[in-house]
Amino acid sequence: MLWAESEIVNAVLHTDLQLDTLPATIERVSSHFAQRERGFQWFLGPSAQRQNYADALLAHGLEHDEDEPGMAVELPALQEDIPLASNLTILPVSNYEQLEQWIRVWLFPVPEEIVRKYITAYAKISLGADSPLQFYLGLQDGQPVATVCVFYDGSVASIHYVVTLPEQRHQGIGGAMTLMAAREARAKGYRVATLTASPFGINIYRRLGFREYGTFSTYIWSPQEDM
């Protein structure tokens, strides 16, 4: 099991356990976070024994939050002929001022107190060209309006946080950000890109050639709900 605890991330990220050990493990993790009065998330991917895991999480006080399809595209077959925003400039994030702008768009409209925690945490991330995590900021008339990032690992590029501010949606910005990220991965020699799709983005991703291959589910636990 892989899990994380910090000021901004409290989650079980990956689980590969025998079913007879699962209840005790859930109890141990829940107790750990309950003692610290911290809520946490538990993610299930396509490789988990989904129904058995889900039933065990629900039985131990977690609640189902959302399901998102996992999607993938073979980058040589990327469909690039789609309507895109014509007045969008996309920049690689190369300094921490741009990274703060990226975070503010990504998290909008999260309260400032939480935004500042993310800015402090992300200030430790390397922004060099050799970093496996690359951020891109979309600008309209010089103003930050969209985000995407790409994590490179092995032979797969994972695209995350395709976000557009509400006032700028339905202009092809999300498609442009995703296509740019996929092109960057292809230029680096990657053959496959993956992402998880929200209901707002799934049709855009399908037009780019992404196809569903599984489901990612999120379960949540809150100390307030357990009191």
Protein backbone atom coordinates (compact mmCIF):
# COMPACT_ATOMS: atom_id res chain seq x y z
CA MET A 1 0.00 0.00 0.00
CA LEU A 2 1.23 3.49 -0.88
CA TRP A 3 -0.15 6.39 1.11
CA ALA A 4 0.74 9.99 1.88
CA GLU A 5 0.27 12.41 4.76
CA SER A 6 1.00 16.14 4.59
CA GLU A 7 -0.58 19.56 4.97
CA ILE A 8 -2.14 19.27 1.51
CA VAL A 9 -2.33 15.54 0.64
CA ASN A 10 -3.76 12.87 2.93
CA ALA A 11 -4.61 9.84 0.85
CA VAL A 12 -4.15 6.16 0.13
CA LEU A 13 -2.85 6.27 -3.43
CA HIS A 14 -2.42 2.59 -4.30
CA THR A 15 -3.63 -0.62 -2.70
CA ASP A 16 -2.61 -4.21 -3.48
CA LEU A 17 -3.62 -6.27 -0.47
CA GLN A 18 -5.03 -9.70 0.24
CA LEU A 19 -8.72 -9.37 1.00
CA ASP A 20 -8.37 -10.95 4.44
CA THR A 21 -5.94 -8.17 5.49
CA LEU A 22 -8.02 -5.33 4.03
CA PRO A 23 -10.40 -4.65 6.98
CA ALA A 24 -7.56 -4.39 9.51
CA THR A 25 -5.61 -2.12 7.14
CA ILE A 26 -8.56 0.22 6.66
CA GLU A 27 -9.04 0.38 10.43
CA ARG A 28 -5.36 1.18 10.95
CA VAL A 29 -5.34 3.98 8.35
CA SER A 30 -8.65 5.44 9.58
CA SER A 31 -7.43 5.38 13.17
CA HIS A 32 -4.19 7.09 12.17
CA PHE A 33 -5.98 10.03 10.56
CA ALA A 34 -8.75 10.15 13.20
CA GLN A 35 -6.14 10.63 15.94
CA ARG A 36 -4.81 13.60 13.97
CA GLU A 37 -8.33 14.90 13.15
CA ARG A 38 -7.55 14.84 9.45
CA GLY A 39 -9.81 13.74 6.66
CA PHE A 40 -8.34 11.58 3.93
CA GLN A 41 -9.07 10.07 0.53
CA TRP A 42 -8.73 6.49 -0.67
CA PHE A 43 -8.18 5.97 -4.40
CA LEU A 44 -9.03 2.77 -6.23
CA GLY A 45 -7.67 2.18 -9.72
CA PRO A 46 -8.57 -0.41 -12.35
CA SER A 47 -6.08 -2.91 -10.94
CA ALA A 48 -7.77 -3.06 -7.52
CA GLN A 49 -10.28 -5.77 -6.76
CA ARG A 50 -12.87 -3.09 -7.13
CA GLN A 51 -16.11 -4.41 -5.66
CA ASN A 52 -14.52 -6.14 -2.68
CA TYR A 53 -12.34 -3.11 -1.93
CA ALA A 54 -15.26 -0.70 -2.34
CA ASP A 55 -17.54 -2.73 -0.07
CA ALA A 56 -14.84 -2.85 2.61
CA LEU A 57 -14.24 0.91 2.46
CA LEU A 58 -17.95 1.67 2.75
CA ALA A 59 -18.32 -0.78 5.62
CA HIS A 60 -15.58 1.05 7.54
CA GLY A 61 -17.09 4.52 7.33
CA LEU A 62 -15.71 5.95 4.10
CA GLU A 63 -18.08 7.46 1.55
CA HIS A 64 -17.98 7.21 -2.22
CA ASP A 65 -17.01 10.57 -3.73
CA GLU A 66 -16.63 10.13 -7.49
CA ASP A 67 -15.76 7.86 -10.40
CA GLU A 68 -13.71 8.99 -13.37
CA PRO A 69 -12.83 6.97 -16.47
CA GLY A 70 -9.16 6.39 -17.12
CA MET A 71 -8.30 7.16 -20.75
CA ALA A 72 -5.26 6.59 -22.95
CA VAL A 73 -4.10 7.45 -26.45
CA GLU A 74 -1.28 6.14 -28.61
CA LEU A 75 0.46 9.38 -29.40
CA PRO A 76 1.35 8.55 -33.03
CA ALA A 77 -2.43 8.26 -33.60
CA LEU A 78 -3.30 11.51 -31.82
CA GLN A 79 -6.20 13.31 -33.54
CA GLU A 80 -5.06 16.92 -33.92
CA ASP A 81 -7.76 18.34 -36.22
CA ILE A 82 -10.17 19.70 -33.60
CA PRO A 83 -11.50 23.26 -32.97
CA LEU A 84 -9.16 25.11 -30.64
CA ALA A 85 -8.98 28.54 -29.04
CA SER A 86 -7.14 30.81 -31.47
CA ASN A 87 -6.20 33.55 -28.98
CA LEU A 88 -4.52 31.32 -26.41
CA THR A 89 -0.83 31.45 -25.52
CA ILE A 90 0.60 28.44 -23.68
CA LEU A 91 3.82 28.84 -21.70
CA PRO A 92 5.93 26.28 -19.86
CA VAL A 93 6.12 27.29 -16.20
CA SER A 94 9.76 28.21 -15.69
CA ASN A 95 9.73 30.29 -12.49
CA TYR A 96 7.87 30.38 -9.19
CA GLU A 97 5.88 33.51 -10.07
CA GLN A 98 4.35 31.59 -12.98
CA LEU A 99 3.86 28.56 -10.74
CA GLU A 100 1.84 30.67 -8.29
CA GLN A 101 -0.33 31.88 -11.19
CA TRP A 102 -0.75 28.25 -12.26
CA ILE A 103 -1.83 27.21 -8.75
CA ARG A 104 -4.35 30.04 -8.46
CA VAL A 105 -6.06 29.04 -11.72
CA TRP A 106 -5.94 25.33 -10.89
CA LEU A 107 -7.50 25.79 -7.43
CA PHE A 108 -10.01 28.56 -8.22
CA PRO A 109 -12.15 29.38 -6.18
CA VAL A 110 -10.46 27.70 -3.21
CA PRO A 111 -10.02 30.01 -0.14
CA GLU A 112 -6.76 31.96 0.06
CA GLU A 113 -5.61 30.14 3.20
CA ILE A 114 -5.56 26.83 1.33
CA VAL A 115 -4.05 28.37 -1.79
CA ARG A 116 -1.13 29.66 0.28
CA LYS A 117 -0.48 26.14 1.63
CA TYR A 118 -0.20 24.80 -1.91
CA ILE A 119 2.06 27.65 -2.99
CA THR A 120 4.38 26.93 -0.05
CA ALA A 121 4.40 23.18 -0.77
CA TYR A 122 4.92 23.52 -4.52
CA ALA A 123 7.81 25.96 -4.00
CA LYS A 124 9.93 22.85 -3.28
CA ILE A 125 9.30 21.39 -6.75
CA SER A 126 12.01 21.56 -9.38
CA LEU A 127 10.98 23.53 -12.46
CA GLY A 128 13.93 22.54 -14.61
CA ALA A 129 13.57 21.00 -18.05
CA ASP A 130 14.79 17.68 -16.65
CA SER A 131 12.07 17.46 -14.00
CA PRO A 132 9.60 14.58 -14.55
CA LEU A 133 6.76 17.00 -13.69
CA GLN A 134 6.17 19.81 -16.17
CA PHE A 135 3.59 22.60 -15.76
CA TYR A 136 1.99 24.70 -18.53
CA LEU A 137 0.01 27.93 -18.15
CA GLY A 138 -2.58 29.15 -20.66
CA LEU A 139 -2.94 32.92 -21.15
CA GLN A 140 -5.61 35.05 -22.84
CA ASP A 141 -4.68 38.71 -23.35
CA GLY A 142 -1.82 38.14 -20.93
CA GLN A 143 -4.08 36.84 -18.16
CA PRO A 144 -3.77 33.29 -16.75
CA VAL A 145 -6.90 31.30 -17.60
CA ALA A 146 -5.95 27.61 -17.90
CA THR A 147 -3.60 24.93 -16.62
CA VAL A 148 -2.25 21.49 -17.45
CA CYS A 149 0.70 19.46 -16.21
CA VAL A 150 2.43 16.29 -17.42
CA PHE A 151 4.19 13.67 -15.34
CA TYR A 152 6.71 11.54 -17.22
CA ASP A 153 7.40 8.05 -15.91
CA GLY A 154 8.85 5.14 -17.87
CA SER A 155 7.22 5.04 -21.28
CA VAL A 156 3.95 6.73 -20.28
CA ALA A 157 3.11 10.43 -19.98
CA SER A 158 0.33 11.19 -17.51
CA ILE A 159 -1.67 14.37 -18.15
CA HIS A 160 -3.24 16.08 -15.13
CA TYR A 161 -5.15 19.18 -14.05
CA VAL A 162 -6.65 20.34 -17.32
CA VAL A 163 -8.46 23.34 -15.83
CA THR A 164 -10.03 26.43 -17.40
CA LEU A 165 -11.48 29.33 -15.41
CA PRO A 166 -15.32 29.29 -15.58
CA GLU A 167 -15.62 32.53 -17.56
CA GLN A 168 -13.36 31.21 -20.33
CA ARG A 169 -14.90 27.78 -20.82
CA HIS A 170 -16.53 26.52 -24.05
CA GLN A 171 -13.91 28.23 -26.23
CA GLY A 172 -11.70 25.23 -27.00
CA ILE A 173 -9.15 26.13 -24.33
CA GLY A 174 -9.22 22.77 -22.55
CA GLY A 175 -8.73 20.97 -25.85
CA ALA A 176 -5.81 23.22 -26.73
CA MET A 177 -4.11 22.63 -23.38
CA THR A 178 -4.56 18.87 -23.63
CA LEU A 179 -3.36 18.71 -27.22
CA MET A 180 -0.27 20.77 -26.39
CA ALA A 181 0.56 18.45 -23.47
CA ALA A 182 0.16 15.38 -25.69
CA ARG A 183 2.35 16.91 -28.39
CA GLU A 184 5.04 17.70 -25.83
CA ALA A 185 5.00 14.09 -24.66
CA ARG A 186 5.23 12.84 -28.23
CA ALA A 187 8.15 15.18 -28.93
CA LYS A 188 9.98 13.66 -25.96
CA GLY A 189 9.62 10.22 -27.52
CA TYR A 190 6.67 8.96 -25.50
CA ARG A 191 4.19 6.70 -27.30
CA VAL A 192 1.32 6.65 -24.79
CA ALA A 193 -0.43 9.40 -22.81
CA THR A 194 -3.02 8.80 -20.09
CA LEU A 195 -5.46 10.92 -18.10
CA THR A 196 -8.64 10.70 -16.06
CA ALA A 197 -11.69 12.48 -17.45
CA SER A 198 -14.27 14.67 -15.78
CA PRO A 199 -17.75 14.89 -17.34
CA PHE A 200 -16.73 18.31 -18.73
CA GLY A 201 -13.70 17.03 -20.60
CA ILE A 202 -14.46 13.49 -21.71
CA ASN A 203 -15.86 14.40 -25.13
CA ILE A 204 -12.86 16.62 -25.86
CA TYR A 205 -10.51 13.79 -24.99
CA ARG A 206 -12.41 11.37 -27.18
CA ARG A 207 -12.07 13.75 -30.14
CA LEU A 208 -8.32 13.80 -29.53
CA GLY A 209 -8.24 10.00 -29.76
CA PHE A 210 -8.27 9.06 -26.07
CA ARG A 211 -10.25 5.92 -25.24
CA GLU A 212 -11.57 4.59 -21.90
CA TYR A 213 -9.75 1.62 -20.40
CA GLY A 214 -10.92 1.54 -16.76
CA THR A 215 -12.37 3.46 -13.84
CA PHE A 216 -10.72 5.37 -11.01
CA SER A 217 -12.83 5.81 -7.87
CA THR A 218 -12.36 8.11 -4.88
CA TYR A 219 -13.64 7.45 -1.37
CA ILE A 220 -13.43 10.00 1.42
CA TRP A 221 -13.47 10.06 5.20
CA SER A 222 -14.02 13.16 7.32
CA PRO A 223 -13.46 13.37 11.10
CA GLN A 224 -16.48 15.67 11.45
CA GLU A 225 -18.76 13.00 10.02
CA ASP A 226 -17.43 10.43 12.48
CA MET A 227 -18.09 12.45 15.62
